[in-house]
Amino acid sequence: MSALSRTLHVGRRAELLRDGYTRGQIDTMIRSGDLVRLGREWLGTARTPPRVAASLRGGARLTCIDAVALHGAWKVPSAARHEARLHRSSAAAAGGLVIDHRPLRSWPDAEPIMPLTIALSHLVRCQETDIAVMVLESVAHRGLLERAALDGLLSSLPLKTRRALGPIDGRAMSGPESRVRRFLERLGVTVVPQWHVPGVGYTDIRVGECLIIECDSWTHHGSREAQNEDRRRDRALVLLGYRVVRLSFEDVVVHWERTQLFLRDLVASRLHRASPGRRGLLLCPPREGAPGGQRGPRRVDPAQR
């Protein structure tokens, strides 16, 4: 049984037999409920993700945003389940709202969900451009595909799609970071992802010379300890002369239209610009503990808007 199948708690009877289980043991586990039949081929457990189980019951496999999330990429919220099934399959979708992708002549492998590369190719044709970029950049950042493989996937896309996606930057640590950065870039503002400030650490996005935008999620920022650390960092940044804006997951994913208006207003108000006397210090902050406020290595940025 593959590592992916073990992670998803699914497998075929033949795989269990190869792993040393007898037919009698397998039948006993099915009768006791320790194993659950998922269609003709697959067996699962109570720990099998519900969407994986529903898809296999219907003779399909998860693809697009559902599969890439299970492969470890950023998870896109969706009420619908994205599935691929075989051409001329007579099986019906099992429960819930389902989006069917282009049918296949045969399964590409023996796994319970679609391979990452195929799921990504489905995703870029299915999702709006910003969502596709958010996922692709998470794949690049987390090293889920070798860069050559990712570039090969992108080069296989239609020219119009490649142009819409633009460069895929692997520095963004979350999908919301990617979306905010790309929107600000379209406004013509200089944006630096993962800007490092001594004494503070890496910040999500530096805009212009003095605006720091942090994209928060409850997963990494929801605990009391994390929130206290965020406030410590914010105070340190303000004392250095930066302005700090925090955006939640809901701001960037659920209420994105409203957040775009807010970001436009930030830029129009020139809150990302520092006075000439402060720009050098902000773009090249002192090294932590350096005597006499000695500055760190010089970093050269393109012309600021």
C-alpha atoms as a PDB file:
ATOM      1  CA  MET A   1       0.000   0.000   0.000  1.00  0.00           C
ATOM      2  CA  SER A   2       1.382   3.390  -0.962  1.00  0.00           C
ATOM      3  CA  ALA A   3       2.211   6.162   1.502  1.00  0.00           C
ATOM      4  CA  LEU A   4      -0.606   8.289   0.054  1.00  0.00           C
ATOM      5  CA  SER A   5      -3.144   5.479   0.519  1.00  0.00           C
ATOM      6  CA  ARG A   6      -2.006   5.019   4.108  1.00  0.00           C
ATOM      7  CA  THR A   7      -2.343   8.734   4.771  1.00  0.00           C
ATOM      8  CA  LEU A   8      -5.882   8.741   3.376  1.00  0.00           C
ATOM      9  CA  HIS A   9      -6.755   5.443   5.124  1.00  0.00           C
ATOM     10  CA  VAL A  10      -7.885   3.698   1.949  1.00  0.00           C
ATOM     11  CA  GLY A  11      -6.703   0.645   0.076  1.00  0.00           C
ATOM     12  CA  ARG A  12      -7.693  -2.274  -2.102  1.00  0.00           C
ATOM     13  CA  ARG A  13      -8.301  -5.792  -0.853  1.00  0.00           C
ATOM     14  CA  ALA A  14      -5.353  -7.039  -2.929  1.00  0.00           C
ATOM     15  CA  GLU A  15      -3.081  -4.507  -1.244  1.00  0.00           C
ATOM     16  CA  LEU A  16      -4.166  -5.665   2.207  1.00  0.00           C
ATOM     17  CA  LEU A  17      -3.469  -9.254   1.196  1.00  0.00           C
ATOM     18  CA  ARG A  18       0.032  -8.246   0.067  1.00  0.00           C
ATOM     19  CA  ASP A  19       0.518  -6.503   3.409  1.00  0.00           C
ATOM     20  CA  GLY A  20      -0.104  -9.803   5.208  1.00  0.00           C
ATOM     21  CA  TYR A  21      -3.803  -9.787   6.037  1.00  0.00           C
ATOM     22  CA  THR A  22      -5.801 -12.934   5.275  1.00  0.00           C
ATOM     23  CA  ARG A  23      -9.152 -12.920   3.464  1.00  0.00           C
ATOM     24  CA  GLY A  24     -10.830 -14.020   6.682  1.00  0.00           C
ATOM     25  CA  GLN A  25      -9.317 -11.136   8.643  1.00  0.00           C
ATOM     26  CA  ILE A  26     -10.404  -8.636   5.991  1.00  0.00           C
ATOM     27  CA  ASP A  27     -13.984  -9.993   5.966  1.00  0.00           C
ATOM     28  CA  THR A  28     -14.090  -9.873   9.777  1.00  0.00           C
ATOM     29  CA  MET A  29     -12.956  -6.230   9.776  1.00  0.00           C
ATOM     30  CA  ILE A  30     -15.646  -5.371   7.207  1.00  0.00           C
ATOM     31  CA  ARG A  31     -18.365  -7.056   9.309  1.00  0.00           C
ATOM     32  CA  SER A  32     -17.177  -5.267  12.476  1.00  0.00           C
ATOM     33  CA  GLY A  33     -17.099  -1.890  10.744  1.00  0.00           C
ATOM     34  CA  ASP A  34     -13.333  -1.424  11.079  1.00  0.00           C
ATOM     35  CA  LEU A  35     -13.222  -1.439   7.283  1.00  0.00           C
ATOM     36  CA  VAL A  36     -15.865   0.138   5.028  1.00  0.00           C
ATOM     37  CA  ARG A  37     -16.546  -0.756   1.405  1.00  0.00           C
ATOM     38  CA  LEU A  38     -16.000   2.201  -0.932  1.00  0.00           C
ATOM     39  CA  GLY A  39     -17.438   1.055  -4.224  1.00  0.00           C
ATOM     40  CA  ARG A  40     -16.227  -2.098  -5.940  1.00  0.00           C
ATOM     41  CA  GLU A  41     -12.494  -1.703  -5.464  1.00  0.00           C
ATOM     42  CA  TRP A  42     -11.719   0.300  -2.394  1.00  0.00           C
ATOM     43  CA  LEU A  43     -11.863  -0.175   1.350  1.00  0.00           C
ATOM     44  CA  GLY A  44     -11.683   2.640   3.872  1.00  0.00           C
ATOM     45  CA  THR A  45     -11.976   3.334   7.587  1.00  0.00           C
ATOM     46  CA  ALA A  46     -13.695   5.881   9.817  1.00  0.00           C
ATOM     47  CA  ARG A  47     -10.601   8.058   9.343  1.00  0.00           C
ATOM     48  CA  THR A  48     -10.904   8.225   5.549  1.00  0.00           C
ATOM     49  CA  PRO A  49     -11.595  11.875   4.534  1.00  0.00           C
ATOM     50  CA  PRO A  50     -15.325  12.118   3.703  1.00  0.00           C
ATOM     51  CA  ARG A  51     -14.741  13.571   0.231  1.00  0.00           C
ATOM     52  CA  VAL A  52     -12.288  10.815  -0.640  1.00  0.00           C
ATOM     53  CA  ALA A  53     -14.789   8.187   0.510  1.00  0.00           C
ATOM     54  CA  ALA A  54     -17.724   9.755  -1.373  1.00  0.00           C
ATOM     55  CA  SER A  55     -15.712  10.055  -4.576  1.00  0.00           C
ATOM     56  CA  LEU A  56     -14.495   6.454  -4.511  1.00  0.00           C
ATOM     57  CA  ARG A  57     -18.017   5.206  -3.768  1.00  0.00           C
ATOM     58  CA  GLY A  58     -19.135   6.895  -6.974  1.00  0.00           C
ATOM     59  CA  GLY A  59     -16.389   5.287  -9.033  1.00  0.00           C
ATOM     60  CA  ALA A  60     -14.460   8.569  -9.311  1.00  0.00           C
ATOM     61  CA  ARG A  61     -11.333  10.152  -7.840  1.00  0.00           C
ATOM     62  CA  LEU A  62     -10.841  13.590  -6.404  1.00  0.00           C
ATOM     63  CA  THR A  63      -9.006  16.117  -8.567  1.00  0.00           C
ATOM     64  CA  CYS A  64      -8.513  19.901  -8.889  1.00  0.00           C
ATOM     65  CA  ILE A  65      -8.545  21.820  -5.580  1.00  0.00           C
ATOM     66  CA  ASP A  66      -9.608  18.767  -3.541  1.00  0.00           C
ATOM     67  CA  ALA A  67      -6.726  16.586  -4.688  1.00  0.00           C
ATOM     68  CA  VAL A  68      -4.012  19.266  -4.551  1.00  0.00           C
ATOM     69  CA  ALA A  69      -4.963  20.046  -0.942  1.00  0.00           C
ATOM     70  CA  LEU A  70      -4.586  16.378  -0.010  1.00  0.00           C
ATOM     71  CA  HIS A  71      -1.180  16.367  -1.732  1.00  0.00           C
ATOM     72  CA  GLY A  72      -0.162  19.164   0.673  1.00  0.00           C
ATOM     73  CA  ALA A  73      -0.890  22.407  -1.217  1.00  0.00           C
ATOM     74  CA  TRP A  74      -2.908  25.352   0.071  1.00  0.00           C
ATOM     75  CA  LYS A  75      -6.539  24.378   0.599  1.00  0.00           C
ATOM     76  CA  VAL A  76      -9.172  26.318  -1.330  1.00  0.00           C
ATOM     77  CA  PRO A  77     -12.561  26.384   0.434  1.00  0.00           C
ATOM     78  CA  SER A  78     -15.290  24.941  -1.780  1.00  0.00           C
ATOM     79  CA  ALA A  79     -18.809  23.612  -1.268  1.00  0.00           C
ATOM     80  CA  ALA A  80     -18.458  21.414  -4.343  1.00  0.00           C
ATOM     81  CA  ARG A  81     -16.407  18.253  -4.694  1.00  0.00           C
ATOM     82  CA  HIS A  82     -14.165  18.094  -7.788  1.00  0.00           C
ATOM     83  CA  GLU A  83     -13.983  14.675  -9.424  1.00  0.00           C
ATOM     84  CA  ALA A  84     -12.525  12.873 -12.422  1.00  0.00           C
ATOM     85  CA  ARG A  85     -14.024   9.652 -13.698  1.00  0.00           C
ATOM     86  CA  LEU A  86     -13.443   7.273 -16.552  1.00  0.00           C
ATOM     87  CA  HIS A  87     -14.879   7.902 -20.009  1.00  0.00           C
ATOM     88  CA  ARG A  88     -18.273   6.226 -20.450  1.00  0.00           C
ATOM     89  CA  SER A  89     -18.441   5.461 -16.723  1.00  0.00           C
ATOM     90  CA  SER A  90     -21.975   4.565 -15.679  1.00  0.00           C
ATOM     91  CA  ALA A  91     -21.335   5.290 -11.996  1.00  0.00           C
ATOM     92  CA  ALA A  92     -23.233   8.213 -10.525  1.00  0.00           C
ATOM     93  CA  ALA A  93     -21.755  10.831  -8.215  1.00  0.00           C
ATOM     94  CA  ALA A  94     -22.264   9.817  -4.582  1.00  0.00           C
ATOM     95  CA  GLY A  95     -23.767  12.582  -2.452  1.00  0.00           C
ATOM     96  CA  GLY A  96     -23.199  16.323  -2.356  1.00  0.00           C
ATOM     97  CA  LEU A  97     -22.510  18.940  -4.999  1.00  0.00           C
ATOM     98  CA  VAL A  98     -20.032  17.595  -7.564  1.00  0.00           C
ATOM     99  CA  ILE A  99     -18.076  19.246 -10.378  1.00  0.00           C
ATOM    100  CA  ASP A 100     -16.991  16.691 -12.976  1.00  0.00           C
ATOM    101  CA  HIS A 101     -13.769  17.313 -14.882  1.00  0.00           C
ATOM    102  CA  ARG A 102     -12.869  15.949 -18.301  1.00  0.00           C
ATOM    103  CA  PRO A 103     -13.285  12.153 -18.274  1.00  0.00           C
ATOM    104  CA  LEU A 104     -10.241   9.900 -18.654  1.00  0.00           C
ATOM    105  CA  ARG A 105      -9.723   6.848 -20.854  1.00  0.00           C
ATOM    106  CA  SER A 106      -7.835   5.121 -18.021  1.00  0.00           C
ATOM    107  CA  TRP A 107      -6.580   5.905 -14.538  1.00  0.00           C
ATOM    108  CA  PRO A 108      -3.020   7.324 -14.556  1.00  0.00           C
ATOM    109  CA  ASP A 109      -1.954   5.281 -11.509  1.00  0.00           C
ATOM    110  CA  ALA A 110      -3.241   3.092  -8.694  1.00  0.00           C
ATOM    111  CA  GLU A 111      -3.704   5.914  -6.176  1.00  0.00           C
ATOM    112  CA  PRO A 112      -7.078   6.890  -4.663  1.00  0.00           C
ATOM    113  CA  ILE A 113      -6.875  10.517  -5.841  1.00  0.00           C
ATOM    114  CA  MET A 114      -5.486  12.102  -9.004  1.00  0.00           C
ATOM    115  CA  PRO A 115      -1.725  12.773  -9.221  1.00  0.00           C
ATOM    116  CA  LEU A 116      -0.632  16.281  -8.301  1.00  0.00           C
ATOM    117  CA  THR A 117       0.376  17.283 -11.836  1.00  0.00           C
ATOM    118  CA  ILE A 118      -2.947  16.228 -13.347  1.00  0.00           C
ATOM    119  CA  ALA A 119      -4.916  17.787 -10.509  1.00  0.00           C
ATOM    120  CA  LEU A 120      -3.044  21.060 -11.057  1.00  0.00           C
ATOM    121  CA  SER A 121      -3.740  20.994 -14.793  1.00  0.00           C
ATOM    122  CA  HIS A 122      -7.434  20.569 -13.968  1.00  0.00           C
ATOM    123  CA  LEU A 123      -7.225  23.371 -11.428  1.00  0.00           C
ATOM    124  CA  VAL A 124      -5.766  26.036 -13.734  1.00  0.00           C
ATOM    125  CA  ARG A 125      -8.536  25.375 -16.248  1.00  0.00           C
ATOM    126  CA  CYS A 126     -11.265  25.343 -13.596  1.00  0.00           C
ATOM    127  CA  GLN A 127     -10.439  28.110 -11.107  1.00  0.00           C
ATOM    128  CA  GLU A 128     -10.105  31.857 -11.523  1.00  0.00           C
ATOM    129  CA  THR A 129      -6.551  33.035 -12.104  1.00  0.00           C
ATOM    130  CA  ASP A 130      -5.920  34.393  -8.605  1.00  0.00           C
ATOM    131  CA  ILE A 131      -6.979  31.113  -7.004  1.00  0.00           C
ATOM    132  CA  ALA A 132      -4.786  29.115  -9.390  1.00  0.00           C
ATOM    133  CA  VAL A 133      -1.776  31.289  -8.572  1.00  0.00           C
ATOM    134  CA  MET A 134      -2.396  30.960  -4.835  1.00  0.00           C
ATOM    135  CA  VAL A 135      -2.269  27.171  -5.138  1.00  0.00           C
ATOM    136  CA  LEU A 136       0.652  27.040  -7.605  1.00  0.00           C
ATOM    137  CA  GLU A 137       2.769  29.304  -5.420  1.00  0.00           C
ATOM    138  CA  SER A 138       2.029  27.141  -2.379  1.00  0.00           C
ATOM    139  CA  VAL A 139       3.171  24.115  -4.390  1.00  0.00           C
ATOM    140  CA  ALA A 140       6.398  25.948  -5.253  1.00  0.00           C
ATOM    141  CA  HIS A 141       6.969  27.182  -1.685  1.00  0.00           C
ATOM    142  CA  ARG A 142       6.369  23.803  -0.078  1.00  0.00           C
ATOM    143  CA  GLY A 143       8.484  21.950  -2.634  1.00  0.00           C
ATOM    144  CA  LEU A 144       5.682  19.566  -3.592  1.00  0.00           C
ATOM    145  CA  LEU A 145       7.032  19.485  -7.157  1.00  0.00           C
ATOM    146  CA  GLU A 146      10.557  19.950  -8.416  1.00  0.00           C
ATOM    147  CA  ARG A 147      10.841  23.386 -10.023  1.00  0.00           C
ATOM    148  CA  ALA A 148      11.598  21.782 -13.393  1.00  0.00           C
ATOM    149  CA  ALA A 149       8.415  19.707 -13.149  1.00  0.00           C
ATOM    150  CA  LEU A 150       6.368  22.764 -12.193  1.00  0.00           C
ATOM    151  CA  ASP A 151       7.848  24.774 -15.055  1.00  0.00           C
ATOM    152  CA  GLY A 152       7.117  21.881 -17.414  1.00  0.00           C
ATOM    153  CA  LEU A 153       3.495  21.852 -16.291  1.00  0.00           C
ATOM    154  CA  LEU A 154       3.191  25.608 -16.823  1.00  0.00           C
ATOM    155  CA  SER A 155       4.823  25.446 -20.248  1.00  0.00           C
ATOM    156  CA  SER A 156       2.251  22.854 -21.359  1.00  0.00           C
ATOM    157  CA  LEU A 157      -0.611  25.297 -20.734  1.00  0.00           C
ATOM    158  CA  PRO A 158      -2.083  27.458 -23.496  1.00  0.00           C
ATOM    159  CA  LEU A 159      -0.232  30.730 -24.041  1.00  0.00           C
ATOM    160  CA  LYS A 160      -3.236  32.779 -22.935  1.00  0.00           C
ATOM    161  CA  THR A 161      -3.366  30.864 -19.638  1.00  0.00           C
ATOM    162  CA  ARG A 162       0.384  31.231 -19.045  1.00  0.00           C
ATOM    163  CA  ARG A 163       0.191  34.971 -19.598  1.00  0.00           C
ATOM    164  CA  ALA A 164      -2.734  35.288 -17.210  1.00  0.00           C
ATOM    165  CA  LEU A 165      -0.919  33.324 -14.503  1.00  0.00           C
ATOM    166  CA  GLY A 166       2.346  35.226 -14.885  1.00  0.00           C
ATOM    167  CA  PRO A 167       5.501  34.275 -12.941  1.00  0.00           C
ATOM    168  CA  ILE A 168       5.019  31.813 -10.073  1.00  0.00           C
ATOM    169  CA  ASP A 169       6.914  33.042  -7.007  1.00  0.00           C
ATOM    170  CA  GLY A 170       7.729  30.394  -4.425  1.00  0.00           C
ATOM    171  CA  ARG A 171       8.439  32.839  -1.601  1.00  0.00           C
ATOM    172  CA  ALA A 172       4.823  33.352  -0.530  1.00  0.00           C
ATOM    173  CA  MET A 173       4.057  31.200   2.513  1.00  0.00           C
ATOM    174  CA  SER A 174       0.270  31.186   2.042  1.00  0.00           C
ATOM    175  CA  GLY A 175      -2.375  31.608  -0.627  1.00  0.00           C
ATOM    176  CA  PRO A 176      -3.630  34.949   0.742  1.00  0.00           C
ATOM    177  CA  GLU A 177      -0.085  36.372   0.571  1.00  0.00           C
ATOM    178  CA  SER A 178       0.048  35.515  -3.118  1.00  0.00           C
ATOM    179  CA  ARG A 179      -3.292  37.169  -3.841  1.00  0.00           C
ATOM    180  CA  VAL A 180      -2.473  40.400  -1.978  1.00  0.00           C
ATOM    181  CA  ARG A 181       0.994  40.649  -3.527  1.00  0.00           C
ATOM    182  CA  ARG A 182      -0.260  40.174  -7.075  1.00  0.00           C
ATOM    183  CA  PHE A 183      -3.046  42.718  -6.627  1.00  0.00           C
ATOM    184  CA  LEU A 184      -0.583  45.336  -5.356  1.00  0.00           C
ATOM    185  CA  GLU A 185       1.811  44.558  -8.196  1.00  0.00           C
ATOM    186  CA  ARG A 186      -1.008  45.255 -10.646  1.00  0.00           C
ATOM    187  CA  LEU A 187      -1.362  48.673  -9.010  1.00  0.00           C
ATOM    188  CA  GLY A 188       2.255  49.358  -9.942  1.00  0.00           C
ATOM    189  CA  VAL A 189       3.581  49.373  -6.386  1.00  0.00           C
ATOM    190  CA  THR A 190       6.913  47.813  -5.434  1.00  0.00           C
ATOM    191  CA  VAL A 191       6.189  44.711  -3.354  1.00  0.00           C
ATOM    192  CA  VAL A 192       8.758  42.513  -1.583  1.00  0.00           C
ATOM    193  CA  PRO A 193       7.546  39.160  -0.189  1.00  0.00           C
ATOM    194  CA  GLN A 194       9.081  37.782   3.003  1.00  0.00           C
ATOM    195  CA  TRP A 195      10.877  41.031   3.902  1.00  0.00           C
ATOM    196  CA  HIS A 196      13.299  40.450   6.783  1.00  0.00           C
ATOM    197  CA  VAL A 197      13.609  43.009   9.576  1.00  0.00           C
ATOM    198  CA  PRO A 198      16.283  42.371  12.262  1.00  0.00           C
ATOM    199  CA  GLY A 199      14.729  41.960  15.687  1.00  0.00           C
ATOM    200  CA  VAL A 200      11.372  41.142  14.121  1.00  0.00           C
ATOM    201  CA  GLY A 201      11.993  38.392  11.585  1.00  0.00           C
ATOM    202  CA  TYR A 202      10.347  37.793   8.242  1.00  0.00           C
ATOM    203  CA  THR A 203       7.251  39.799   7.431  1.00  0.00           C
ATOM    204  CA  ASP A 204       4.751  38.662   4.817  1.00  0.00           C
ATOM    205  CA  ILE A 205       4.863  41.622   2.412  1.00  0.00           C
ATOM    206  CA  ARG A 206       6.644  44.980   2.323  1.00  0.00           C
ATOM    207  CA  VAL A 207       4.859  47.547   0.167  1.00  0.00           C
ATOM    208  CA  GLY A 208       6.821  50.591  -0.979  1.00  0.00           C
ATOM    209  CA  GLU A 209       9.301  51.583   1.700  1.00  0.00           C
ATOM    210  CA  CYS A 210       7.300  51.518   4.919  1.00  0.00           C
ATOM    211  CA  LEU A 211       4.063  49.513   4.730  1.00  0.00           C
ATOM    212  CA  ILE A 212       4.070  45.959   6.087  1.00  0.00           C
ATOM    213  CA  ILE A 213       1.099  43.726   5.346  1.00  0.00           C
ATOM    214  CA  GLU A 214       0.672  40.535   7.326  1.00  0.00           C
ATOM    215  CA  CYS A 215      -1.828  37.890   6.154  1.00  0.00           C
ATOM    216  CA  ASP A 216      -3.066  36.036   9.222  1.00  0.00           C
ATOM    217  CA  SER A 217      -4.854  32.717   9.552  1.00  0.00           C
ATOM    218  CA  TRP A 218      -6.380  31.139  12.631  1.00  0.00           C
ATOM    219  CA  THR A 219      -4.186  28.092  12.094  1.00  0.00           C
ATOM    220  CA  HIS A 220      -0.955  30.003  12.731  1.00  0.00           C
ATOM    221  CA  HIS A 221      -2.170  33.132  14.519  1.00  0.00           C
ATOM    222  CA  GLY A 222      -5.199  31.979  16.532  1.00  0.00           C
ATOM    223  CA  SER A 223      -3.574  31.078  19.850  1.00  0.00           C
ATOM    224  CA  ARG A 224      -3.008  33.609  22.636  1.00  0.00           C
ATOM    225  CA  GLU A 225       0.745  33.064  22.385  1.00  0.00           C
ATOM    226  CA  ALA A 226       0.741  33.720  18.630  1.00  0.00           C
ATOM    227  CA  GLN A 227      -1.348  36.866  19.008  1.00  0.00           C
ATOM    228  CA  ASN A 228       0.956  38.185  21.730  1.00  0.00           C
ATOM    229  CA  GLU A 229       3.951  37.563  19.470  1.00  0.00           C
ATOM    230  CA  ASP A 230       2.192  39.341  16.592  1.00  0.00           C
ATOM    231  CA  ARG A 231       1.649  42.400  18.782  1.00  0.00           C
ATOM    232  CA  ARG A 232       5.290  42.369  19.897  1.00  0.00           C
ATOM    233  CA  ARG A 233       6.394  42.316  16.279  1.00  0.00           C
ATOM    234  CA  ASP A 234       3.969  45.099  15.359  1.00  0.00           C
ATOM    235  CA  ARG A 235       5.300  47.339  18.154  1.00  0.00           C
ATOM    236  CA  ALA A 236       8.876  46.705  17.073  1.00  0.00           C
ATOM    237  CA  LEU A 237       8.029  47.532  13.442  1.00  0.00           C
ATOM    238  CA  VAL A 238       6.222  50.753  14.395  1.00  0.00           C
ATOM    239  CA  LEU A 239       9.204  51.912  16.449  1.00  0.00           C
ATOM    240  CA  LEU A 240      11.405  51.363  13.406  1.00  0.00           C
ATOM    241  CA  GLY A 241       9.112  53.567  11.313  1.00  0.00           C
ATOM    242  CA  TYR A 242       6.957  50.992   9.487  1.00  0.00           C
ATOM    243  CA  ARG A 243       3.178  50.994   9.219  1.00  0.00           C
ATOM    244  CA  VAL A 244       1.553  47.609   9.820  1.00  0.00           C
ATOM    245  CA  VAL A 245      -1.716  46.281   8.402  1.00  0.00           C
ATOM    246  CA  ARG A 246      -3.047  42.823   9.245  1.00  0.00           C
ATOM    247  CA  LEU A 247      -5.479  41.025   6.943  1.00  0.00           C
ATOM    248  CA  SER A 248      -7.394  37.922   7.985  1.00  0.00           C
ATOM    249  CA  PHE A 249      -8.128  34.868   5.865  1.00  0.00           C
ATOM    250  CA  GLU A 250     -11.713  36.105   5.522  1.00  0.00           C
ATOM    251  CA  ASP A 251     -10.481  39.514   4.340  1.00  0.00           C
ATOM    252  CA  VAL A 252      -8.550  37.957   1.465  1.00  0.00           C
ATOM    253  CA  VAL A 253     -10.710  34.986   0.525  1.00  0.00           C
ATOM    254  CA  VAL A 254     -14.293  35.709   1.615  1.00  0.00           C
ATOM    255  CA  HIS A 255     -14.453  39.510   1.454  1.00  0.00           C
ATOM    256  CA  TRP A 256     -11.886  40.041  -1.277  1.00  0.00           C
ATOM    257  CA  GLU A 257     -13.857  42.697  -3.201  1.00  0.00           C
ATOM    258  CA  ARG A 258     -14.041  44.866  -0.107  1.00  0.00           C
ATOM    259  CA  THR A 259     -10.373  44.304   0.701  1.00  0.00           C
ATOM    260  CA  GLN A 260      -9.324  45.349  -2.816  1.00  0.00           C
ATOM    261  CA  LEU A 261     -11.028  48.732  -2.266  1.00  0.00           C
ATOM    262  CA  PHE A 262      -9.178  49.091   1.034  1.00  0.00           C
ATOM    263  CA  LEU A 263      -5.817  48.301  -0.579  1.00  0.00           C
ATOM    264  CA  ARG A 264      -6.490  50.781  -3.381  1.00  0.00           C
ATOM    265  CA  ASP A 265      -7.207  53.449  -0.774  1.00  0.00           C
ATOM    266  CA  LEU A 266      -3.968  52.606   1.059  1.00  0.00           C
ATOM    267  CA  VAL A 267      -1.963  53.136  -2.113  1.00  0.00           C
ATOM    268  CA  ALA A 268      -3.897  56.248  -3.133  1.00  0.00           C
ATOM    269  CA  SER A 269      -3.210  57.726   0.328  1.00  0.00           C
ATOM    270  CA  ARG A 270       0.513  56.985  -0.208  1.00  0.00           C
ATOM    271  CA  LEU A 271       0.744  55.267   3.159  1.00  0.00           C
ATOM    272  CA  HIS A 272       3.344  52.960   1.639  1.00  0.00           C
ATOM    273  CA  ARG A 273       5.736  55.863   1.037  1.00  0.00           C
ATOM    274  CA  ALA A 274       8.263  57.118   3.566  1.00  0.00           C
ATOM    275  CA  SER A 275       9.855  60.527   3.797  1.00  0.00           C
ATOM    276  CA  PRO A 276      13.180  60.826   1.919  1.00  0.00           C
ATOM    277  CA  GLY A 277      15.081  60.924   5.193  1.00  0.00           C
ATOM    278  CA  ARG A 278      13.625  57.610   6.371  1.00  0.00           C
ATOM    279  CA  ARG A 279      13.801  55.563   3.165  1.00  0.00           C
ATOM    280  CA  GLY A 280      17.386  54.382   3.459  1.00  0.00           C
ATOM    281  CA  LEU A 281      16.935  53.121   7.019  1.00  0.00           C
ATOM    282  CA  LEU A 282      13.686  51.320   6.213  1.00  0.00           C
ATOM    283  CA  LEU A 283      15.039  49.662   3.075  1.00  0.00           C
ATOM    284  CA  CYS A 284      18.250  48.630   4.833  1.00  0.00           C
ATOM    285  CA  PRO A 285      17.449  48.315   8.576  1.00  0.00           C
ATOM    286  CA  PRO A 286      20.272  48.066  11.165  1.00  0.00           C
ATOM    287  CA  ARG A 287      21.528  44.609  12.000  1.00  0.00           C
ATOM    288  CA  GLU A 288      20.282  43.359  15.344  1.00  0.00           C
ATOM    289  CA  GLY A 289      22.795  44.242  18.061  1.00  0.00           C
ATOM    290  CA  ALA A 290      25.123  46.071  15.644  1.00  0.00           C
ATOM    291  CA  PRO A 291      27.192  48.771  17.407  1.00  0.00           C
ATOM    292  CA  GLY A 292      26.192  52.334  16.709  1.00  0.00           C
ATOM    293  CA  GLY A 293      23.176  51.277  14.673  1.00  0.00           C
ATOM    294  CA  GLN A 294      25.357  49.786  11.937  1.00  0.00           C
ATOM    295  CA  ARG A 295      23.267  48.891   8.917  1.00  0.00           C
ATOM    296  CA  GLY A 296      23.015  45.497   7.347  1.00  0.00           C
ATOM    297  CA  PRO A 297      23.952  44.622   3.771  1.00  0.00           C
ATOM    298  CA  ARG A 298      22.611  47.080   1.272  1.00  0.00           C
ATOM    299  CA  ARG A 299      19.504  45.932  -0.634  1.00  0.00           C
ATOM    300  CA  VAL A 300      18.721  47.663  -3.872  1.00  0.00           C
ATOM    301  CA  ASP A 301      15.061  47.943  -4.927  1.00  0.00           C
ATOM    302  CA  PRO A 302      13.554  49.044  -8.207  1.00  0.00           C
ATOM    303  CA  ALA A 303      12.310  52.627  -8.448  1.00  0.00           C
ATOM    304  CA  GLN A 304       9.465  53.154  -6.031  1.00  0.00           C
ATOM    305  CA  ARG A 305       6.138  54.441  -7.192  1.00  0.00           C
END
